[in-house]
Amino acid sequence: MRNRTIKLAKMPQEQYTHRSAMQSSEGPHVYKVGIYGWRKRCLYFFVLLLMILILVNLAMTIWILKVMNFTIDGMGNLRITEKGIKLEGDSEFLKPLYAKEIRSSTGNPLYFQSARNVTVNILNEESKVLTRLVTGPKAVEAYSQKFQVLTTKGKVLFSADDNEVVVGAERLKVSGAEGTVFPKSIETPNVRADPFKELRLESPTRSLVMEAPKGVIIDAEAGNLEATCRTELKLESKDGEITLEAANIKLPRLPQGSYSPSGSGQKAYELCVCPNGRLFLTQAGSSSTCQIKTSVCL
């Protein structure tokens, strides 16, 4: 590489002294930095407007907190506790409510009110309805595989499913004026009326059958026992006997025979039995008069 030589020209002494004197005579230069004029006024206006907005926002926030009653425990009638959410007073839910447990405070009732109906659904893991309770303006409907009513001790009072209906109470009382209608059979160990009330078993258009493997007992301790039918009343015992035990046995409408001995004014009759089992009366004589009235047995 070639060596290069840089030569600096020397300023004359007189010229340097003259320039320094000129700078010292003029004094230092001042450069102004900032916003002036209409820009400054606009900046102050925007700062003032921002402060006003902050104050209005703060005032609105304080007003909302005051109206909604915001506290560290909750908002208004809604309180957040360790056990969950506590809601005081009346509440309105516009959409479905999902909760594990809903209960009232101690000593206060819990009300559910709706303009149409109240529906309670029990869902499974697949969100399918297993049990549904609907309380509407005309009826209360329950949809489930089994319906039970239990006592406080866990005893079944009423149970119903597809196969049977069980009444577990010690006594079933029907207070309707027309009684109870059973379209099919009924199985019970005892059927009785209230004290001083009548018990009536009837079938308006069909037959009435009472069966028991060890016997059927019909007992009227303080009243009469009546059996009424339109055509025939049949008492049948296949292997035993029929016993009529009473102080008086009356058969007031038995047919009577035509035999009347001359000059006999007595009112004694003889009970006769036809071969087919029909009973009839004939006026008693010195001997049996059952053979005279044979037309009744036809």
C-alpha atoms as a PDB file:
ATOM      1  CA  MET A   1       0.000   0.000   0.000  1.00  0.00           C
ATOM      2  CA  ARG A   2       1.067   3.428  -0.747  1.00  0.00           C
ATOM      3  CA  ASN A   3       1.514   5.867   2.008  1.00  0.00           C
ATOM      4  CA  ARG A   4      -0.852   8.711   1.788  1.00  0.00           C
ATOM      5  CA  THR A   5      -0.126  12.031   3.345  1.00  0.00           C
ATOM      6  CA  ILE A   6      -2.977  14.243   4.455  1.00  0.00           C
ATOM      7  CA  LYS A   7      -2.142  17.866   4.679  1.00  0.00           C
ATOM      8  CA  LEU A   8      -4.267  20.155   6.801  1.00  0.00           C
ATOM      9  CA  ALA A   9      -4.384  23.672   5.776  1.00  0.00           C
ATOM     10  CA  LYS A  10      -3.632  26.070   8.497  1.00  0.00           C
ATOM     11  CA  MET A  11      -6.124  28.776   9.250  1.00  0.00           C
ATOM     12  CA  PRO A  12      -4.511  32.106   9.498  1.00  0.00           C
ATOM     13  CA  GLN A  13      -4.317  33.453  12.993  1.00  0.00           C
ATOM     14  CA  GLU A  14      -6.118  36.616  12.139  1.00  0.00           C
ATOM     15  CA  GLN A  15      -9.124  34.787  10.606  1.00  0.00           C
ATOM     16  CA  TYR A  16      -9.602  32.473  13.646  1.00  0.00           C
ATOM     17  CA  THR A  17      -9.431  35.407  16.038  1.00  0.00           C
ATOM     18  CA  HIS A  18     -12.033  37.339  14.047  1.00  0.00           C
ATOM     19  CA  ARG A  19     -14.543  34.411  13.971  1.00  0.00           C
ATOM     20  CA  SER A  20     -14.256  33.805  17.718  1.00  0.00           C
ATOM     21  CA  ALA A  21     -14.927  37.423  18.405  1.00  0.00           C
ATOM     22  CA  MET A  22     -18.044  37.396  16.256  1.00  0.00           C
ATOM     23  CA  GLN A  23     -19.491  34.353  18.072  1.00  0.00           C
ATOM     24  CA  SER A  24     -18.876  35.851  21.490  1.00  0.00           C
ATOM     25  CA  SER A  25     -20.548  39.097  20.497  1.00  0.00           C
ATOM     26  CA  GLU A  26     -23.800  37.399  19.278  1.00  0.00           C
ATOM     27  CA  GLY A  27     -24.372  35.304  22.495  1.00  0.00           C
ATOM     28  CA  PRO A  28     -25.795  31.661  22.854  1.00  0.00           C
ATOM     29  CA  HIS A  29     -28.687  30.455  20.602  1.00  0.00           C
ATOM     30  CA  VAL A  30     -31.950  29.173  22.421  1.00  0.00           C
ATOM     31  CA  TYR A  31     -34.165  26.529  20.634  1.00  0.00           C
ATOM     32  CA  LYS A  32     -37.788  26.418  21.949  1.00  0.00           C
ATOM     33  CA  VAL A  33     -39.285  22.858  22.344  1.00  0.00           C
ATOM     34  CA  GLY A  34     -43.141  22.261  23.080  1.00  0.00           C
ATOM     35  CA  ILE A  35     -46.714  22.710  21.816  1.00  0.00           C
ATOM     36  CA  TYR A  36     -47.970  26.199  21.430  1.00  0.00           C
ATOM     37  CA  GLY A  37     -51.009  27.913  20.029  1.00  0.00           C
ATOM     38  CA  TRP A  38     -54.189  26.086  19.094  1.00  0.00           C
ATOM     39  CA  ARG A  39     -52.537  22.703  19.564  1.00  0.00           C
ATOM     40  CA  LYS A  40     -51.933  23.475  23.209  1.00  0.00           C
ATOM     41  CA  ARG A  41     -55.532  24.581  23.729  1.00  0.00           C
ATOM     42  CA  CYS A  42     -56.842  21.360  22.077  1.00  0.00           C
ATOM     43  CA  LEU A  43     -54.610  19.262  24.313  1.00  0.00           C
ATOM     44  CA  TYR A  44     -55.952  20.950  27.438  1.00  0.00           C
ATOM     45  CA  PHE A  45     -59.498  20.467  26.201  1.00  0.00           C
ATOM     46  CA  PHE A  46     -59.030  16.722  25.654  1.00  0.00           C
ATOM     47  CA  VAL A  47     -57.375  16.327  29.064  1.00  0.00           C
ATOM     48  CA  LEU A  48     -60.283  18.157  30.713  1.00  0.00           C
ATOM     49  CA  LEU A  49     -62.827  16.039  28.784  1.00  0.00           C
ATOM     50  CA  LEU A  50     -61.022  12.850  29.840  1.00  0.00           C
ATOM     51  CA  MET A  51     -61.120  13.929  33.486  1.00  0.00           C
ATOM     52  CA  ILE A  52     -64.860  14.636  33.212  1.00  0.00           C
ATOM     53  CA  LEU A  53     -65.470  11.183  31.678  1.00  0.00           C
ATOM     54  CA  ILE A  54     -63.453   9.536  34.436  1.00  0.00           C
ATOM     55  CA  LEU A  55     -65.486  11.325  37.106  1.00  0.00           C
ATOM     56  CA  VAL A  56     -68.788  10.418  35.428  1.00  0.00           C
ATOM     57  CA  ASN A  57     -67.695   6.776  35.072  1.00  0.00           C
ATOM     58  CA  LEU A  58     -66.639   6.674  38.711  1.00  0.00           C
ATOM     59  CA  ALA A  59     -69.949   8.186  39.802  1.00  0.00           C
ATOM     60  CA  MET A  60     -71.946   5.691  37.693  1.00  0.00           C
ATOM     61  CA  THR A  61     -69.939   2.800  39.129  1.00  0.00           C
ATOM     62  CA  ILE A  62     -70.577   3.947  42.680  1.00  0.00           C
ATOM     63  CA  TRP A  63     -74.297   4.383  41.892  1.00  0.00           C
ATOM     64  CA  ILE A  64     -74.576   0.885  40.395  1.00  0.00           C
ATOM     65  CA  LEU A  65     -72.792  -0.621  43.390  1.00  0.00           C
ATOM     66  CA  LYS A  66     -75.169   1.223  45.680  1.00  0.00           C
ATOM     67  CA  VAL A  67     -78.344   0.280  43.791  1.00  0.00           C
ATOM     68  CA  MET A  68     -77.401  -3.378  43.241  1.00  0.00           C
ATOM     69  CA  ASN A  69     -76.166  -3.618  46.821  1.00  0.00           C
ATOM     70  CA  PHE A  70     -72.790  -5.083  45.937  1.00  0.00           C
ATOM     71  CA  THR A  71     -70.848  -6.303  48.947  1.00  0.00           C
ATOM     72  CA  ILE A  72     -67.957  -8.630  49.566  1.00  0.00           C
ATOM     73  CA  ASP A  73     -70.512 -11.397  50.297  1.00  0.00           C
ATOM     74  CA  GLY A  74     -72.603 -11.057  47.138  1.00  0.00           C
ATOM     75  CA  MET A  75     -75.042  -8.852  45.286  1.00  0.00           C
ATOM     76  CA  GLY A  76     -78.462  -7.728  46.495  1.00  0.00           C
ATOM     77  CA  ASN A  77     -80.424 -10.696  47.897  1.00  0.00           C
ATOM     78  CA  LEU A  78     -77.800 -13.071  46.527  1.00  0.00           C
ATOM     79  CA  ARG A  79     -75.162 -14.137  49.032  1.00  0.00           C
ATOM     80  CA  ILE A  80     -72.182 -16.403  48.433  1.00  0.00           C
ATOM     81  CA  THR A  81     -71.517 -18.693  51.377  1.00  0.00           C
ATOM     82  CA  GLU A  82     -69.266 -21.652  52.044  1.00  0.00           C
ATOM     83  CA  LYS A  83     -72.092 -24.115  51.305  1.00  0.00           C
ATOM     84  CA  GLY A  84     -73.233 -22.446  48.079  1.00  0.00           C
ATOM     85  CA  ILE A  85     -75.431 -19.538  47.056  1.00  0.00           C
ATOM     86  CA  LYS A  86     -78.071 -18.103  49.383  1.00  0.00           C
ATOM     87  CA  LEU A  87     -80.951 -16.214  47.804  1.00  0.00           C
ATOM     88  CA  GLU A  88     -83.322 -14.182  49.958  1.00  0.00           C
ATOM     89  CA  GLY A  89     -86.761 -12.969  48.895  1.00  0.00           C
ATOM     90  CA  ASP A  90     -88.607 -13.664  45.625  1.00  0.00           C
ATOM     91  CA  SER A  91     -86.588 -14.680  42.561  1.00  0.00           C
ATOM     92  CA  GLU A  92     -87.460 -15.137  38.915  1.00  0.00           C
ATOM     93  CA  PHE A  93     -85.591 -17.499  36.595  1.00  0.00           C
ATOM     94  CA  LEU A  94     -86.095 -16.895  32.878  1.00  0.00           C
ATOM     95  CA  LYS A  95     -84.111 -19.946  31.764  1.00  0.00           C
ATOM     96  CA  PRO A  96     -83.541 -23.466  33.162  1.00  0.00           C
ATOM     97  CA  LEU A  97     -81.978 -23.719  36.615  1.00  0.00           C
ATOM     98  CA  TYR A  98     -79.409 -26.428  37.268  1.00  0.00           C
ATOM     99  CA  ALA A  99     -78.636 -27.126  40.922  1.00  0.00           C
ATOM    100  CA  LYS A 100     -77.680 -30.039  43.100  1.00  0.00           C
ATOM    101  CA  GLU A 101     -79.890 -29.006  46.002  1.00  0.00           C
ATOM    102  CA  ILE A 102     -82.581 -26.363  46.513  1.00  0.00           C
ATOM    103  CA  ARG A 103     -83.908 -25.711  50.004  1.00  0.00           C
ATOM    104  CA  SER A 104     -85.350 -22.908  52.068  1.00  0.00           C
ATOM    105  CA  SER A 105     -83.884 -21.369  55.173  1.00  0.00           C
ATOM    106  CA  THR A 106     -84.636 -22.932  58.536  1.00  0.00           C
ATOM    107  CA  GLY A 107     -88.228 -22.365  59.594  1.00  0.00           C
ATOM    108  CA  ASN A 108     -89.389 -20.854  56.275  1.00  0.00           C
ATOM    109  CA  PRO A 109     -91.406 -22.552  53.505  1.00  0.00           C
ATOM    110  CA  LEU A 110     -90.210 -23.001  49.923  1.00  0.00           C
ATOM    111  CA  TYR A 111     -92.587 -21.929  47.131  1.00  0.00           C
ATOM    112  CA  PHE A 112     -92.480 -22.690  43.407  1.00  0.00           C
ATOM    113  CA  GLN A 113     -94.742 -20.487  41.303  1.00  0.00           C
ATOM    114  CA  SER A 114     -95.322 -20.486  37.563  1.00  0.00           C
ATOM    115  CA  ALA A 115     -97.856 -18.979  35.186  1.00  0.00           C
ATOM    116  CA  ARG A 116     -98.275 -22.327  33.372  1.00  0.00           C
ATOM    117  CA  ASN A 117     -96.644 -25.341  34.986  1.00  0.00           C
ATOM    118  CA  VAL A 118     -93.649 -26.483  37.003  1.00  0.00           C
ATOM    119  CA  THR A 119     -91.653 -29.367  35.554  1.00  0.00           C
ATOM    120  CA  VAL A 120     -88.963 -31.322  37.387  1.00  0.00           C
ATOM    121  CA  ASN A 121     -86.833 -33.666  35.253  1.00  0.00           C
ATOM    122  CA  ILE A 122     -84.302 -36.270  36.371  1.00  0.00           C
ATOM    123  CA  LEU A 123     -81.747 -36.996  33.636  1.00  0.00           C
ATOM    124  CA  ASN A 124     -79.163 -39.710  33.208  1.00  0.00           C
ATOM    125  CA  GLU A 125     -75.624 -39.362  31.915  1.00  0.00           C
ATOM    126  CA  GLU A 126     -76.898 -39.279  28.337  1.00  0.00           C
ATOM    127  CA  SER A 127     -79.315 -36.423  29.123  1.00  0.00           C
ATOM    128  CA  LYS A 128     -82.344 -38.694  28.753  1.00  0.00           C
ATOM    129  CA  VAL A 129     -85.331 -38.111  31.006  1.00  0.00           C
ATOM    130  CA  LEU A 130     -85.710 -40.877  33.601  1.00  0.00           C
ATOM    131  CA  THR A 131     -88.305 -39.284  35.887  1.00  0.00           C
ATOM    132  CA  ARG A 132     -90.543 -36.292  35.292  1.00  0.00           C
ATOM    133  CA  LEU A 133     -92.966 -34.465  37.572  1.00  0.00           C
ATOM    134  CA  VAL A 134     -95.310 -31.957  35.922  1.00  0.00           C
ATOM    135  CA  THR A 135     -97.667 -29.784  37.952  1.00  0.00           C
ATOM    136  CA  GLY A 136    -100.040 -28.025  35.586  1.00  0.00           C
ATOM    137  CA  PRO A 137    -103.206 -25.960  35.898  1.00  0.00           C
ATOM    138  CA  LYS A 138    -105.443 -29.044  35.547  1.00  0.00           C
ATOM    139  CA  ALA A 139    -103.455 -32.016  36.806  1.00  0.00           C
ATOM    140  CA  VAL A 140    -100.304 -33.267  38.483  1.00  0.00           C
ATOM    141  CA  GLU A 141     -98.538 -35.848  36.339  1.00  0.00           C
ATOM    142  CA  ALA A 142     -95.635 -38.109  37.296  1.00  0.00           C
ATOM    143  CA  TYR A 143     -93.667 -40.141  34.753  1.00  0.00           C
ATOM    144  CA  SER A 144     -91.445 -42.865  36.177  1.00  0.00           C
ATOM    145  CA  GLN A 145     -90.966 -46.604  36.271  1.00  0.00           C
ATOM    146  CA  LYS A 146     -92.255 -46.787  39.837  1.00  0.00           C
ATOM    147  CA  PHE A 147     -94.120 -44.408  42.138  1.00  0.00           C
ATOM    148  CA  GLN A 148     -93.868 -44.720  45.918  1.00  0.00           C
ATOM    149  CA  VAL A 149     -95.185 -42.867  48.956  1.00  0.00           C
ATOM    150  CA  LEU A 150     -93.250 -43.577  52.167  1.00  0.00           C
ATOM    151  CA  THR A 151     -93.665 -42.627  55.794  1.00  0.00           C
ATOM    152  CA  THR A 152     -90.992 -40.892  57.839  1.00  0.00           C
ATOM    153  CA  LYS A 153     -89.904 -44.330  59.076  1.00  0.00           C
ATOM    154  CA  GLY A 154     -89.521 -45.698  55.552  1.00  0.00           C
ATOM    155  CA  LYS A 155     -92.701 -47.789  55.440  1.00  0.00           C
ATOM    156  CA  VAL A 156     -94.394 -48.017  52.055  1.00  0.00           C
ATOM    157  CA  LEU A 157     -97.854 -46.432  52.115  1.00  0.00           C
ATOM    158  CA  PHE A 158     -98.506 -46.550  48.373  1.00  0.00           C
ATOM    159  CA  SER A 159     -96.588 -48.086  45.506  1.00  0.00           C
ATOM    160  CA  ALA A 160     -97.482 -48.381  41.827  1.00  0.00           C
ATOM    161  CA  ASP A 161     -95.715 -49.816  38.774  1.00  0.00           C
ATOM    162  CA  ASP A 162     -96.637 -51.649  35.591  1.00  0.00           C
ATOM    163  CA  ASN A 163     -97.373 -54.908  37.413  1.00  0.00           C
ATOM    164  CA  GLU A 164     -99.260 -53.948  40.572  1.00  0.00           C
ATOM    165  CA  VAL A 165    -100.493 -51.248  42.901  1.00  0.00           C
ATOM    166  CA  VAL A 166     -99.741 -51.790  46.576  1.00  0.00           C
ATOM    167  CA  VAL A 167    -101.448 -49.970  49.464  1.00  0.00           C
ATOM    168  CA  GLY A 168     -99.333 -50.481  52.552  1.00  0.00           C
ATOM    169  CA  ALA A 169    -101.524 -48.604  55.025  1.00  0.00           C
ATOM    170  CA  GLU A 170    -103.247 -50.545  57.746  1.00  0.00           C
ATOM    171  CA  ARG A 171    -106.617 -49.270  56.557  1.00  0.00           C
ATOM    172  CA  LEU A 172    -107.871 -48.084  53.165  1.00  0.00           C
ATOM    173  CA  LYS A 173    -110.876 -45.766  53.466  1.00  0.00           C
ATOM    174  CA  VAL A 174    -113.042 -44.805  50.475  1.00  0.00           C
ATOM    175  CA  SER A 175    -115.283 -41.833  51.284  1.00  0.00           C
ATOM    176  CA  GLY A 176    -116.929 -41.301  47.897  1.00  0.00           C
ATOM    177  CA  ALA A 177    -120.720 -41.215  47.715  1.00  0.00           C
ATOM    178  CA  GLU A 178    -120.784 -43.798  44.905  1.00  0.00           C
ATOM    179  CA  GLY A 179    -118.196 -46.047  46.516  1.00  0.00           C
ATOM    180  CA  THR A 180    -115.392 -47.665  44.552  1.00  0.00           C
ATOM    181  CA  VAL A 181    -115.546 -49.375  41.177  1.00  0.00           C
ATOM    182  CA  PHE A 182    -113.151 -52.243  40.436  1.00  0.00           C
ATOM    183  CA  PRO A 183    -113.240 -53.286  36.758  1.00  0.00           C
ATOM    184  CA  LYS A 184    -111.481 -56.550  37.633  1.00  0.00           C
ATOM    185  CA  SER A 185    -110.901 -58.635  40.734  1.00  0.00           C
ATOM    186  CA  ILE A 186    -109.761 -57.381  44.125  1.00  0.00           C
ATOM    187  CA  GLU A 187    -107.874 -59.348  46.773  1.00  0.00           C
ATOM    188  CA  THR A 188    -108.163 -58.333  50.416  1.00  0.00           C
ATOM    189  CA  PRO A 189    -108.474 -60.096  53.784  1.00  0.00           C
ATOM    190  CA  ASN A 190    -111.198 -57.802  55.109  1.00  0.00           C
ATOM    191  CA  VAL A 191    -113.943 -55.591  53.669  1.00  0.00           C
ATOM    192  CA  ARG A 192    -115.971 -53.549  56.147  1.00  0.00           C
ATOM    193  CA  ALA A 193    -117.808 -50.270  56.473  1.00  0.00           C
ATOM    194  CA  ASP A 194    -117.360 -47.507  59.023  1.00  0.00           C
ATOM    195  CA  PRO A 195    -119.245 -47.842  62.305  1.00  0.00           C
ATOM    196  CA  PHE A 196    -122.991 -47.214  61.884  1.00  0.00           C
ATOM    197  CA  LYS A 197    -122.578 -47.214  58.077  1.00  0.00           C
ATOM    198  CA  GLU A 198    -123.896 -49.697  55.527  1.00  0.00           C
ATOM    199  CA  LEU A 199    -121.662 -51.975  53.490  1.00  0.00           C
ATOM    200  CA  ARG A 200    -122.990 -52.814  50.046  1.00  0.00           C
ATOM    201  CA  LEU A 201    -121.358 -55.114  47.505  1.00  0.00           C
ATOM    202  CA  GLU A 202    -123.077 -55.067  44.145  1.00  0.00           C
ATOM    203  CA  SER A 203    -122.517 -55.671  40.468  1.00  0.00           C
ATOM    204  CA  PRO A 204    -125.083 -53.740  38.357  1.00  0.00           C
ATOM    205  CA  THR A 205    -124.648 -55.668  35.099  1.00  0.00           C
ATOM    206  CA  ARG A 206    -122.464 -58.672  35.903  1.00  0.00           C
ATOM    207  CA  SER A 207    -122.061 -61.281  38.600  1.00  0.00           C
ATOM    208  CA  LEU A 208    -120.460 -60.877  42.004  1.00  0.00           C
ATOM    209  CA  VAL A 209    -118.187 -63.694  43.108  1.00  0.00           C
ATOM    210  CA  MET A 210    -116.551 -64.054  46.526  1.00  0.00           C
ATOM    211  CA  GLU A 211    -113.992 -66.836  46.867  1.00  0.00           C
ATOM    212  CA  ALA A 212    -111.610 -67.936  49.611  1.00  0.00           C
ATOM    213  CA  PRO A 213    -109.719 -71.204  50.088  1.00  0.00           C
ATOM    214  CA  LYS A 214    -110.561 -71.393  53.817  1.00  0.00           C
ATOM    215  CA  GLY A 215    -114.022 -69.879  53.892  1.00  0.00           C
ATOM    216  CA  VAL A 216    -116.002 -66.674  53.487  1.00  0.00           C
ATOM    217  CA  ILE A 217    -117.464 -65.076  56.614  1.00  0.00           C
ATOM    218  CA  ILE A 218    -120.237 -62.490  56.353  1.00  0.00           C
ATOM    219  CA  ASP A 219    -120.974 -60.923  59.711  1.00  0.00           C
ATOM    220  CA  ALA A 220    -123.289 -58.090  60.760  1.00  0.00           C
ATOM    221  CA  GLU A 221    -122.789 -57.589  64.482  1.00  0.00           C
ATOM    222  CA  ALA A 222    -125.248 -54.731  65.045  1.00  0.00           C
ATOM    223  CA  GLY A 223    -127.614 -54.829  62.099  1.00  0.00           C
ATOM    224  CA  ASN A 224    -129.315 -56.822  59.389  1.00  0.00           C
ATOM    225  CA  LEU A 225    -127.807 -58.846  56.569  1.00  0.00           C
ATOM    226  CA  GLU A 226    -129.642 -58.666  53.263  1.00  0.00           C
ATOM    227  CA  ALA A 227    -129.005 -60.535  50.016  1.00  0.00           C
ATOM    228  CA  THR A 228    -131.221 -59.409  47.111  1.00  0.00           C
ATOM    229  CA  CYS A 229    -131.266 -60.616  43.529  1.00  0.00           C
ATOM    230  CA  ARG A 230    -133.577 -60.267  40.543  1.00  0.00           C
ATOM    231  CA  THR A 231    -133.846 -63.907  39.442  1.00  0.00           C
ATOM    232  CA  GLU A 232    -132.338 -66.618  41.627  1.00  0.00           C
ATOM    233  CA  LEU A 233    -130.395 -66.801  44.883  1.00  0.00           C
ATOM    234  CA  LYS A 234    -128.394 -70.008  45.082  1.00  0.00           C
ATOM    235  CA  LEU A 235    -126.703 -71.443  48.185  1.00  0.00           C
ATOM    236  CA  GLU A 236    -124.562 -74.435  47.310  1.00  0.00           C
ATOM    237  CA  SER A 237    -122.202 -76.580  49.327  1.00  0.00           C
ATOM    238  CA  LYS A 238    -120.325 -79.206  47.362  1.00  0.00           C
ATOM    239  CA  ASP A 239    -118.905 -81.332  50.176  1.00  0.00           C
ATOM    240  CA  GLY A 240    -120.561 -80.018  53.327  1.00  0.00           C
ATOM    241  CA  GLU A 241    -123.894 -78.699  54.501  1.00  0.00           C
ATOM    242  CA  ILE A 242    -125.795 -75.425  54.764  1.00  0.00           C
ATOM    243  CA  THR A 243    -126.885 -74.501  58.257  1.00  0.00           C
ATOM    244  CA  LEU A 244    -129.526 -71.878  59.028  1.00  0.00           C
ATOM    245  CA  GLU A 245    -129.326 -71.177  62.727  1.00  0.00           C
ATOM    246  CA  ALA A 246    -131.678 -68.594  64.195  1.00  0.00           C
ATOM    247  CA  ALA A 247    -134.460 -68.228  66.714  1.00  0.00           C
ATOM    248  CA  ASN A 248    -136.962 -67.712  63.878  1.00  0.00           C
ATOM    249  CA  ILE A 249    -136.673 -68.703  60.222  1.00  0.00           C
ATOM    250  CA  LYS A 250    -139.317 -67.134  57.968  1.00  0.00           C
ATOM    251  CA  LEU A 251    -140.208 -68.054  54.417  1.00  0.00           C
ATOM    252  CA  PRO A 252    -143.193 -65.762  53.812  1.00  0.00           C
ATOM    253  CA  ARG A 253    -143.695 -66.180  50.058  1.00  0.00           C
ATOM    254  CA  LEU A 254    -143.697 -69.960  49.641  1.00  0.00           C
ATOM    255  CA  PRO A 255    -146.451 -71.332  47.381  1.00  0.00           C
ATOM    256  CA  GLN A 256    -149.303 -73.047  49.150  1.00  0.00           C
ATOM    257  CA  GLY A 257    -151.212 -76.178  48.318  1.00  0.00           C
ATOM    258  CA  SER A 258    -154.996 -76.367  47.671  1.00  0.00           C
ATOM    259  CA  TYR A 259    -155.822 -79.042  50.195  1.00  0.00           C
ATOM    260  CA  SER A 260    -158.308 -77.811  52.786  1.00  0.00           C
ATOM    261  CA  PRO A 261    -160.037 -80.312  55.070  1.00  0.00           C
ATOM    262  CA  SER A 262    -163.720 -79.611  55.553  1.00  0.00           C
ATOM    263  CA  GLY A 263    -164.551 -77.823  58.752  1.00  0.00           C
ATOM    264  CA  SER A 264    -160.908 -77.294  59.665  1.00  0.00           C
ATOM    265  CA  GLY A 265    -160.138 -73.771  60.850  1.00  0.00           C
ATOM    266  CA  GLN A 266    -156.594 -74.335  61.982  1.00  0.00           C
ATOM    267  CA  LYS A 267    -153.716 -72.395  60.406  1.00  0.00           C
ATOM    268  CA  ALA A 268    -151.006 -75.023  60.562  1.00  0.00           C
ATOM    269  CA  TYR A 269    -149.042 -75.859  57.465  1.00  0.00           C
ATOM    270  CA  GLU A 270    -146.726 -78.595  56.429  1.00  0.00           C
ATOM    271  CA  LEU A 271    -143.420 -77.795  54.630  1.00  0.00           C
ATOM    272  CA  CYS A 272    -142.940 -79.987  51.638  1.00  0.00           C
ATOM    273  CA  VAL A 273    -139.962 -80.484  49.298  1.00  0.00           C
ATOM    274  CA  CYS A 274    -140.209 -81.391  45.644  1.00  0.00           C
ATOM    275  CA  PRO A 275    -137.735 -83.774  43.994  1.00  0.00           C
ATOM    276  CA  ASN A 276    -136.142 -80.778  42.253  1.00  0.00           C
ATOM    277  CA  GLY A 277    -135.595 -79.059  45.654  1.00  0.00           C
ATOM    278  CA  ARG A 278    -138.500 -76.586  45.469  1.00  0.00           C
ATOM    279  CA  LEU A 279    -140.323 -75.878  48.726  1.00  0.00           C
ATOM    280  CA  PHE A 280    -144.050 -75.387  49.135  1.00  0.00           C
ATOM    281  CA  LEU A 281    -146.610 -75.358  51.900  1.00  0.00           C
ATOM    282  CA  THR A 282    -149.711 -77.429  52.375  1.00  0.00           C
ATOM    283  CA  GLN A 283    -152.295 -77.166  55.086  1.00  0.00           C
ATOM    284  CA  ALA A 284    -151.551 -79.753  57.717  1.00  0.00           C
ATOM    285  CA  GLY A 285    -153.936 -82.628  58.202  1.00  0.00           C
ATOM    286  CA  SER A 286    -154.128 -85.805  60.186  1.00  0.00           C
ATOM    287  CA  SER A 287    -151.565 -87.278  57.800  1.00  0.00           C
ATOM    288  CA  SER A 288    -149.048 -85.863  55.378  1.00  0.00           C
ATOM    289  CA  THR A 289    -150.574 -83.711  52.658  1.00  0.00           C
ATOM    290  CA  CYS A 290    -147.426 -83.111  50.591  1.00  0.00           C
ATOM    291  CA  GLN A 291    -148.485 -85.593  47.903  1.00  0.00           C
ATOM    292  CA  ILE A 292    -151.683 -83.702  47.064  1.00  0.00           C
ATOM    293  CA  LYS A 293    -150.016 -80.530  45.747  1.00  0.00           C
ATOM    294  CA  THR A 294    -147.945 -82.073  43.031  1.00  0.00           C
ATOM    295  CA  SER A 295    -148.482 -79.284  40.470  1.00  0.00           C
ATOM    296  CA  VAL A 296    -145.976 -77.025  42.294  1.00  0.00           C
ATOM    297  CA  CYS A 297    -143.163 -79.444  41.551  1.00  0.00           C
ATOM    298  CA  LEU A 298    -143.729 -79.337  37.764  1.00  0.00           C
END
